[in-house]
């Protein structure tokens, strides 16, 4: 699963500029974004051909759900079943979005210890998660827009740490992902793969980030051998 990520303001502005959109002046850098957060996303409005920036709550609530899902959110959608699972299949065909990011965290289990790792593109350029979004309406008509990130099989870099990998889209893939004319799963399947391991780096960071209440640049501070007392290699994909 992917349940925590980083988005710096400068990276959001750069990604939006690539899409021909103006900067989001209200957004401030976030270093520990967790489910239930309201996050920036890019989508095509249902009746328009241009892109727009919106704020969605992370944790998808299907339109047919009885409640707003605050207790059981669908944070991730599996690439293998997103086109067929009732919670996601309509959104996958008609309501896809880009969720800008700088990097993301994943936790490695070592006995009783969970070590957080920060994954980032080697070129240090912003990217976007492949996302789907949905609108849920309360009995009083109030609309809630939510999203989920799509995950796929891990690459060799991730495999020793976790068995899932969030789909990271690159700029050349944005247009296809957002194109409302593309609705067939077979057309989208090539996008739902983990990037090559050599295009990424992974750095062990302090367990400070494991507390969802912690924010700020401290979340990105690399771990040292003293924190876990093992002296093992604390970076991957650097050769």
C-alpha atoms as a PDB file:
ATOM      1  CA  UNK A   1       0.000   0.000   0.000  1.00  0.00           C
ATOM      2  CA  UNK A   2       0.939   3.641  -0.335  1.00  0.00           C
ATOM      3  CA  UNK A   3      -0.330   5.576   2.664  1.00  0.00           C
ATOM      4  CA  UNK A   4       2.091   8.490   3.050  1.00  0.00           C
ATOM      5  CA  UNK A   5       3.758  10.869   0.604  1.00  0.00           C
ATOM      6  CA  UNK A   6       5.571  14.188   0.195  1.00  0.00           C
ATOM      7  CA  UNK A   7       4.653  17.162  -1.974  1.00  0.00           C
ATOM      8  CA  UNK A   8       6.761  20.315  -1.966  1.00  0.00           C
ATOM      9  CA  UNK A   9       5.218  23.558  -3.143  1.00  0.00           C
ATOM     10  CA  UNK A  10       7.877  24.189  -5.788  1.00  0.00           C
ATOM     11  CA  UNK A  11       7.299  20.741  -7.264  1.00  0.00           C
ATOM     12  CA  UNK A  12       3.553  21.250  -7.401  1.00  0.00           C
ATOM     13  CA  UNK A  13       4.013  24.571  -9.185  1.00  0.00           C
ATOM     14  CA  UNK A  14       6.452  23.024 -11.674  1.00  0.00           C
ATOM     15  CA  UNK A  15       4.111  20.156 -12.488  1.00  0.00           C
ATOM     16  CA  UNK A  16       1.135  22.472 -12.906  1.00  0.00           C
ATOM     17  CA  UNK A  17       3.158  24.691 -15.234  1.00  0.00           C
ATOM     18  CA  UNK A  18       3.923  21.671 -17.433  1.00  0.00           C
ATOM     19  CA  UNK A  19       0.188  21.139 -17.744  1.00  0.00           C
ATOM     20  CA  UNK A  20      -0.450  24.777 -18.644  1.00  0.00           C
ATOM     21  CA  UNK A  21      -1.974  25.585 -15.273  1.00  0.00           C
ATOM     22  CA  UNK A  22      -1.217  28.425 -12.925  1.00  0.00           C
ATOM     23  CA  UNK A  23       0.389  27.908  -9.510  1.00  0.00           C
ATOM     24  CA  UNK A  24      -1.657  26.935  -6.472  1.00  0.00           C
ATOM     25  CA  UNK A  25      -1.016  29.946  -4.254  1.00  0.00           C
ATOM     26  CA  UNK A  26      -2.748  28.437  -1.205  1.00  0.00           C
ATOM     27  CA  UNK A  27      -0.788  25.209  -1.019  1.00  0.00           C
ATOM     28  CA  UNK A  28       2.097  24.897   1.435  1.00  0.00           C
ATOM     29  CA  UNK A  29       4.699  22.142   1.298  1.00  0.00           C
ATOM     30  CA  UNK A  30       3.582  18.914   2.965  1.00  0.00           C
ATOM     31  CA  UNK A  31       6.077  16.333   4.194  1.00  0.00           C
ATOM     32  CA  UNK A  32       3.812  13.638   5.637  1.00  0.00           C
ATOM     33  CA  UNK A  33       0.536  13.496   3.723  1.00  0.00           C
ATOM     34  CA  UNK A  34      -1.729  10.743   5.034  1.00  0.00           C
ATOM     35  CA  UNK A  35      -5.157   9.316   4.155  1.00  0.00           C
ATOM     36  CA  UNK A  36      -8.086  11.595   4.974  1.00  0.00           C
ATOM     37  CA  UNK A  37      -5.983  14.621   3.974  1.00  0.00           C
ATOM     38  CA  UNK A  38      -7.315  16.971   1.332  1.00  0.00           C
ATOM     39  CA  UNK A  39      -4.790  16.878  -1.500  1.00  0.00           C
ATOM     40  CA  UNK A  40      -4.309  18.743  -4.801  1.00  0.00           C
ATOM     41  CA  UNK A  41      -5.180  16.818  -7.955  1.00  0.00           C
ATOM     42  CA  UNK A  42      -5.462  17.537 -11.684  1.00  0.00           C
ATOM     43  CA  UNK A  43      -8.371  16.245 -13.740  1.00  0.00           C
ATOM     44  CA  UNK A  44     -10.524  17.012 -16.734  1.00  0.00           C
ATOM     45  CA  UNK A  45     -13.980  18.252 -15.721  1.00  0.00           C
ATOM     46  CA  UNK A  46     -16.686  15.820 -16.851  1.00  0.00           C
ATOM     47  CA  UNK A  47     -18.029  18.180 -19.525  1.00  0.00           C
ATOM     48  CA  UNK A  48     -14.827  20.040 -20.446  1.00  0.00           C
ATOM     49  CA  UNK A  49     -11.676  19.259 -22.414  1.00  0.00           C
ATOM     50  CA  UNK A  50      -9.264  21.373 -20.369  1.00  0.00           C
ATOM     51  CA  UNK A  51      -7.469  20.480 -17.146  1.00  0.00           C
ATOM     52  CA  UNK A  52      -8.365  21.862 -13.734  1.00  0.00           C
ATOM     53  CA  UNK A  53      -6.768  21.759 -10.293  1.00  0.00           C
ATOM     54  CA  UNK A  54      -9.042  20.558  -7.511  1.00  0.00           C
ATOM     55  CA  UNK A  55      -8.767  19.471  -3.897  1.00  0.00           C
ATOM     56  CA  UNK A  56      -9.875  15.910  -3.138  1.00  0.00           C
ATOM     57  CA  UNK A  57     -10.037  13.972   0.094  1.00  0.00           C
ATOM     58  CA  UNK A  58      -7.661  11.009  -0.016  1.00  0.00           C
ATOM     59  CA  UNK A  59      -9.775   7.900   0.557  1.00  0.00           C
ATOM     60  CA  UNK A  60     -12.317   7.149  -2.157  1.00  0.00           C
ATOM     61  CA  UNK A  61     -16.007   6.926  -1.300  1.00  0.00           C
ATOM     62  CA  UNK A  62     -18.102   5.269  -4.049  1.00  0.00           C
ATOM     63  CA  UNK A  63     -21.128   7.269  -5.176  1.00  0.00           C
ATOM     64  CA  UNK A  64     -23.411   4.462  -3.981  1.00  0.00           C
ATOM     65  CA  UNK A  65     -21.945   4.235  -0.458  1.00  0.00           C
ATOM     66  CA  UNK A  66     -24.334   4.692   2.458  1.00  0.00           C
ATOM     67  CA  UNK A  67     -21.941   6.936   4.409  1.00  0.00           C
ATOM     68  CA  UNK A  68     -19.024   9.240   3.666  1.00  0.00           C
ATOM     69  CA  UNK A  69     -16.560   6.453   4.414  1.00  0.00           C
ATOM     70  CA  UNK A  70     -14.702   8.291   7.160  1.00  0.00           C
ATOM     71  CA  UNK A  71     -14.201   5.009   9.004  1.00  0.00           C
ATOM     72  CA  UNK A  72     -13.285   2.724   6.096  1.00  0.00           C
ATOM     73  CA  UNK A  73     -11.740   4.633   3.234  1.00  0.00           C
ATOM     74  CA  UNK A  74     -10.474   3.093   0.005  1.00  0.00           C
ATOM     75  CA  UNK A  75      -7.003   4.615  -0.009  1.00  0.00           C
ATOM     76  CA  UNK A  76      -5.490   2.448  -2.766  1.00  0.00           C
ATOM     77  CA  UNK A  77      -6.871   0.633  -5.804  1.00  0.00           C
ATOM     78  CA  UNK A  78      -5.014  -2.387  -7.169  1.00  0.00           C
ATOM     79  CA  UNK A  79      -4.044  -2.130 -10.842  1.00  0.00           C
ATOM     80  CA  UNK A  80      -4.999  -5.774 -11.329  1.00  0.00           C
ATOM     81  CA  UNK A  81      -8.645  -5.195 -10.298  1.00  0.00           C
ATOM     82  CA  UNK A  82      -9.304  -1.466 -10.689  1.00  0.00           C
ATOM     83  CA  UNK A  83     -11.145  -2.008 -13.996  1.00  0.00           C
ATOM     84  CA  UNK A  84     -13.497  -4.624 -12.544  1.00  0.00           C
ATOM     85  CA  UNK A  85     -14.004  -3.885  -8.853  1.00  0.00           C
ATOM     86  CA  UNK A  86     -17.364  -2.102  -8.334  1.00  0.00           C
ATOM     87  CA  UNK A  87     -15.823   0.543  -6.085  1.00  0.00           C
ATOM     88  CA  UNK A  88     -13.429   1.725  -8.813  1.00  0.00           C
ATOM     89  CA  UNK A  89     -14.446   0.524 -12.287  1.00  0.00           C
ATOM     90  CA  UNK A  90     -16.575   3.521 -13.333  1.00  0.00           C
ATOM     91  CA  UNK A  91     -14.044   5.987 -11.973  1.00  0.00           C
ATOM     92  CA  UNK A  92     -11.243   4.162 -13.789  1.00  0.00           C
ATOM     93  CA  UNK A  93     -13.022   4.592 -17.096  1.00  0.00           C
ATOM     94  CA  UNK A  94     -14.397   8.095 -16.613  1.00  0.00           C
ATOM     95  CA  UNK A  95     -12.820   9.866 -13.642  1.00  0.00           C
ATOM     96  CA  UNK A  96      -9.055   9.584 -13.607  1.00  0.00           C
ATOM     97  CA  UNK A  97      -6.772  12.189 -12.085  1.00  0.00           C
ATOM     98  CA  UNK A  98      -3.144  13.061 -11.457  1.00  0.00           C
ATOM     99  CA  UNK A  99      -2.039  13.434  -7.856  1.00  0.00           C
ATOM    100  CA  UNK A 100       1.215  15.456  -7.835  1.00  0.00           C
ATOM    101  CA  UNK A 101       4.041  14.254  -5.592  1.00  0.00           C
ATOM    102  CA  UNK A 102       7.684  14.761  -4.746  1.00  0.00           C
ATOM    103  CA  UNK A 103       8.228  11.335  -3.191  1.00  0.00           C
ATOM    104  CA  UNK A 104       6.556   8.712  -1.045  1.00  0.00           C
ATOM    105  CA  UNK A 105       7.280   6.574   1.996  1.00  0.00           C
ATOM    106  CA  UNK A 106       7.094   2.845   2.518  1.00  0.00           C
ATOM    107  CA  UNK A 107       7.801   0.861   5.678  1.00  0.00           C
ATOM    108  CA  UNK A 108      10.084  -2.157   5.850  1.00  0.00           C
ATOM    109  CA  UNK A 109       9.300  -4.682   8.591  1.00  0.00           C
ATOM    110  CA  UNK A 110      12.358  -5.898  10.484  1.00  0.00           C
ATOM    111  CA  UNK A 111      11.100  -7.945  13.391  1.00  0.00           C
ATOM    112  CA  UNK A 112       9.298  -5.511  15.653  1.00  0.00           C
ATOM    113  CA  UNK A 113      10.837  -2.515  13.926  1.00  0.00           C
ATOM    114  CA  UNK A 114       9.240  -0.714  10.997  1.00  0.00           C
ATOM    115  CA  UNK A 115      11.846   1.266   9.103  1.00  0.00           C
ATOM    116  CA  UNK A 116      10.529   4.061   6.848  1.00  0.00           C
ATOM    117  CA  UNK A 117      12.063   4.547   3.411  1.00  0.00           C
ATOM    118  CA  UNK A 118      11.661   7.590   1.200  1.00  0.00           C
ATOM    119  CA  UNK A 119      11.386   6.852  -2.542  1.00  0.00           C
ATOM    120  CA  UNK A 120      12.093   9.631  -5.036  1.00  0.00           C
ATOM    121  CA  UNK A 121      12.894   9.879  -8.742  1.00  0.00           C
ATOM    122  CA  UNK A 122      16.634   9.881  -9.317  1.00  0.00           C
ATOM    123  CA  UNK A 123      16.301  13.019 -11.474  1.00  0.00           C
ATOM    124  CA  UNK A 124      14.498  14.759  -8.562  1.00  0.00           C
ATOM    125  CA  UNK A 125      11.715  15.999 -10.815  1.00  0.00           C
ATOM    126  CA  UNK A 126       8.079  16.000  -9.656  1.00  0.00           C
ATOM    127  CA  UNK A 127       5.773  13.235 -10.829  1.00  0.00           C
ATOM    128  CA  UNK A 128       2.145  12.294 -10.344  1.00  0.00           C
ATOM    129  CA  UNK A 129       0.443   9.263  -8.924  1.00  0.00           C
ATOM    130  CA  UNK A 130      -2.194   7.652 -11.107  1.00  0.00           C
ATOM    131  CA  UNK A 131      -5.448   8.356  -9.301  1.00  0.00           C
ATOM    132  CA  UNK A 132      -9.187   7.925  -9.657  1.00  0.00           C
ATOM    133  CA  UNK A 133     -11.808  10.180  -8.149  1.00  0.00           C
ATOM    134  CA  UNK A 134     -15.470  10.002  -7.242  1.00  0.00           C
ATOM    135  CA  UNK A 135     -18.317  12.214  -6.005  1.00  0.00           C
ATOM    136  CA  UNK A 136     -20.455  11.126  -3.074  1.00  0.00           C
ATOM    137  CA  UNK A 137     -23.547  13.048  -2.020  1.00  0.00           C
ATOM    138  CA  UNK A 138     -24.900  13.256   1.498  1.00  0.00           C
ATOM    139  CA  UNK A 139     -28.645  13.017   2.127  1.00  0.00           C
ATOM    140  CA  UNK A 140     -28.778  16.821   2.272  1.00  0.00           C
ATOM    141  CA  UNK A 141     -27.180  17.065  -1.180  1.00  0.00           C
ATOM    142  CA  UNK A 142     -23.732  18.118   0.001  1.00  0.00           C
ATOM    143  CA  UNK A 143     -21.051  16.796  -2.345  1.00  0.00           C
ATOM    144  CA  UNK A 144     -17.806  15.178  -1.208  1.00  0.00           C
ATOM    145  CA  UNK A 145     -15.102  14.506  -3.797  1.00  0.00           C
ATOM    146  CA  UNK A 146     -12.560  11.827  -2.944  1.00  0.00           C
ATOM    147  CA  UNK A 147      -9.709   9.931  -4.580  1.00  0.00           C
ATOM    148  CA  UNK A 148      -7.590   6.792  -4.412  1.00  0.00           C
ATOM    149  CA  UNK A 149      -4.079   6.003  -5.647  1.00  0.00           C
ATOM    150  CA  UNK A 150      -3.499   3.017  -7.912  1.00  0.00           C
ATOM    151  CA  UNK A 151      -0.843   0.508  -6.882  1.00  0.00           C
ATOM    152  CA  UNK A 152       0.878  -2.204  -8.891  1.00  0.00           C
ATOM    153  CA  UNK A 153       3.475  -4.971  -8.605  1.00  0.00           C
ATOM    154  CA  UNK A 154       6.783  -3.789  -7.116  1.00  0.00           C
ATOM    155  CA  UNK A 155      10.007  -3.354  -9.050  1.00  0.00           C
ATOM    156  CA  UNK A 156      13.309  -4.805  -7.885  1.00  0.00           C
ATOM    157  CA  UNK A 157      14.080  -1.761  -5.754  1.00  0.00           C
ATOM    158  CA  UNK A 158      10.839  -1.999  -3.792  1.00  0.00           C
ATOM    159  CA  UNK A 159      10.496  -5.778  -3.623  1.00  0.00           C
ATOM    160  CA  UNK A 160      12.748  -6.292  -0.547  1.00  0.00           C
ATOM    161  CA  UNK A 161      10.690  -3.695   1.318  1.00  0.00           C
ATOM    162  CA  UNK A 162       7.060  -4.101   0.224  1.00  0.00           C
ATOM    163  CA  UNK A 163       4.886  -6.076  -2.195  1.00  0.00           C
ATOM    164  CA  UNK A 164       3.064  -3.091  -3.728  1.00  0.00           C
ATOM    165  CA  UNK A 165       4.185   0.035  -5.576  1.00  0.00           C
ATOM    166  CA  UNK A 166       2.176   3.202  -6.339  1.00  0.00           C
ATOM    167  CA  UNK A 167       1.834   3.911 -10.060  1.00  0.00           C
ATOM    168  CA  UNK A 168       4.095   6.887 -10.831  1.00  0.00           C
ATOM    169  CA  UNK A 169       3.197   8.679 -14.047  1.00  0.00           C
ATOM    170  CA  UNK A 170       5.747  10.735 -15.952  1.00  0.00           C
ATOM    171  CA  UNK A 171       4.906  13.903 -17.943  1.00  0.00           C
ATOM    172  CA  UNK A 172       4.758  12.063 -21.261  1.00  0.00           C
ATOM    173  CA  UNK A 173       2.005   9.851 -19.813  1.00  0.00           C
ATOM    174  CA  UNK A 174      -0.179  12.603 -18.358  1.00  0.00           C
ATOM    175  CA  UNK A 175      -2.173  13.305 -21.528  1.00  0.00           C
ATOM    176  CA  UNK A 176      -3.213   9.687 -22.022  1.00  0.00           C
ATOM    177  CA  UNK A 177      -4.184   9.248 -18.388  1.00  0.00           C
ATOM    178  CA  UNK A 178      -6.376  12.353 -18.394  1.00  0.00           C
ATOM    179  CA  UNK A 179      -7.879  11.868 -21.869  1.00  0.00           C
ATOM    180  CA  UNK A 180     -11.644  11.253 -21.411  1.00  0.00           C
ATOM    181  CA  UNK A 181     -11.729   9.521 -24.815  1.00  0.00           C
ATOM    182  CA  UNK A 182      -9.522   6.737 -23.447  1.00  0.00           C
ATOM    183  CA  UNK A 183     -11.886   4.413 -21.595  1.00  0.00           C
ATOM    184  CA  UNK A 184     -10.793   0.872 -22.378  1.00  0.00           C
ATOM    185  CA  UNK A 185      -8.717  -0.916 -19.720  1.00  0.00           C
ATOM    186  CA  UNK A 186      -6.419  -2.377 -22.376  1.00  0.00           C
ATOM    187  CA  UNK A 187      -5.433   1.126 -23.466  1.00  0.00           C
ATOM    188  CA  UNK A 188      -4.557   2.126 -19.913  1.00  0.00           C
ATOM    189  CA  UNK A 189      -2.895  -1.076 -18.750  1.00  0.00           C
ATOM    190  CA  UNK A 190       0.587  -0.134 -20.119  1.00  0.00           C
ATOM    191  CA  UNK A 191       0.620   2.867 -17.784  1.00  0.00           C
ATOM    192  CA  UNK A 192      -0.041   0.803 -14.663  1.00  0.00           C
ATOM    193  CA  UNK A 193       3.489  -0.462 -14.131  1.00  0.00           C
ATOM    194  CA  UNK A 194       6.232   0.386 -11.690  1.00  0.00           C
ATOM    195  CA  UNK A 195       9.048   2.495 -13.152  1.00  0.00           C
ATOM    196  CA  UNK A 196      12.487   0.962 -13.744  1.00  0.00           C
ATOM    197  CA  UNK A 197      14.421   0.526 -10.522  1.00  0.00           C
ATOM    198  CA  UNK A 198      17.355   2.513 -11.882  1.00  0.00           C
ATOM    199  CA  UNK A 199      15.162   5.598 -12.256  1.00  0.00           C
ATOM    200  CA  UNK A 200      14.622   5.821  -8.481  1.00  0.00           C
ATOM    201  CA  UNK A 201      16.508   6.158  -5.242  1.00  0.00           C
ATOM    202  CA  UNK A 202      15.386   4.981  -1.821  1.00  0.00           C
ATOM    203  CA  UNK A 203      16.785   6.408   1.400  1.00  0.00           C
ATOM    204  CA  UNK A 204      16.007   5.226   4.919  1.00  0.00           C
ATOM    205  CA  UNK A 205      14.652   8.138   6.949  1.00  0.00           C
ATOM    206  CA  UNK A 206      14.138   8.616  10.670  1.00  0.00           C
ATOM    207  CA  UNK A 207      11.174   6.956  12.348  1.00  0.00           C
ATOM    208  CA  UNK A 208      10.016  10.474  13.159  1.00  0.00           C
ATOM    209  CA  UNK A 209       7.910  10.311   9.977  1.00  0.00           C
ATOM    210  CA  UNK A 210       6.038   7.247  11.232  1.00  0.00           C
ATOM    211  CA  UNK A 211       3.952   9.475  13.487  1.00  0.00           C
ATOM    212  CA  UNK A 212       1.231  10.881  11.246  1.00  0.00           C
ATOM    213  CA  UNK A 213       1.099  14.047  13.348  1.00  0.00           C
ATOM    214  CA  UNK A 214       4.681  14.939  12.485  1.00  0.00           C
ATOM    215  CA  UNK A 215       5.224  17.425   9.652  1.00  0.00           C
ATOM    216  CA  UNK A 216       8.025  19.541   8.251  1.00  0.00           C
ATOM    217  CA  UNK A 217      11.466  18.976   6.688  1.00  0.00           C
ATOM    218  CA  UNK A 218      12.460  16.795   9.647  1.00  0.00           C
ATOM    219  CA  UNK A 219      10.494  13.995   7.968  1.00  0.00           C
ATOM    220  CA  UNK A 220      13.121  13.865   5.198  1.00  0.00           C
ATOM    221  CA  UNK A 221      16.172  13.577   7.453  1.00  0.00           C
ATOM    222  CA  UNK A 222      18.083  10.360   6.615  1.00  0.00           C
ATOM    223  CA  UNK A 223      18.353   7.746   9.327  1.00  0.00           C
ATOM    224  CA  UNK A 224      21.731   6.850  10.768  1.00  0.00           C
ATOM    225  CA  UNK A 225      22.937   3.493  12.007  1.00  0.00           C
ATOM    226  CA  UNK A 226      22.509   4.629  15.589  1.00  0.00           C
ATOM    227  CA  UNK A 227      18.742   4.840  15.292  1.00  0.00           C
ATOM    228  CA  UNK A 228      18.296   1.129  14.664  1.00  0.00           C
ATOM    229  CA  UNK A 229      21.683   0.029  15.898  1.00  0.00           C
ATOM    230  CA  UNK A 230      22.488  -2.234  12.962  1.00  0.00           C
ATOM    231  CA  UNK A 231      24.892  -0.247  10.797  1.00  0.00           C
ATOM    232  CA  UNK A 232      23.415  -1.671   7.599  1.00  0.00           C
ATOM    233  CA  UNK A 233      23.268   0.109   4.256  1.00  0.00           C
ATOM    234  CA  UNK A 234      20.748   2.924   4.467  1.00  0.00           C
ATOM    235  CA  UNK A 235      20.275   3.752   0.808  1.00  0.00           C
ATOM    236  CA  UNK A 236      19.166   1.822  -2.274  1.00  0.00           C
ATOM    237  CA  UNK A 237      19.470   2.495  -5.968  1.00  0.00           C
ATOM    238  CA  UNK A 238      22.459   4.802  -5.662  1.00  0.00           C
ATOM    239  CA  UNK A 239      25.045   2.890  -7.712  1.00  0.00           C
END
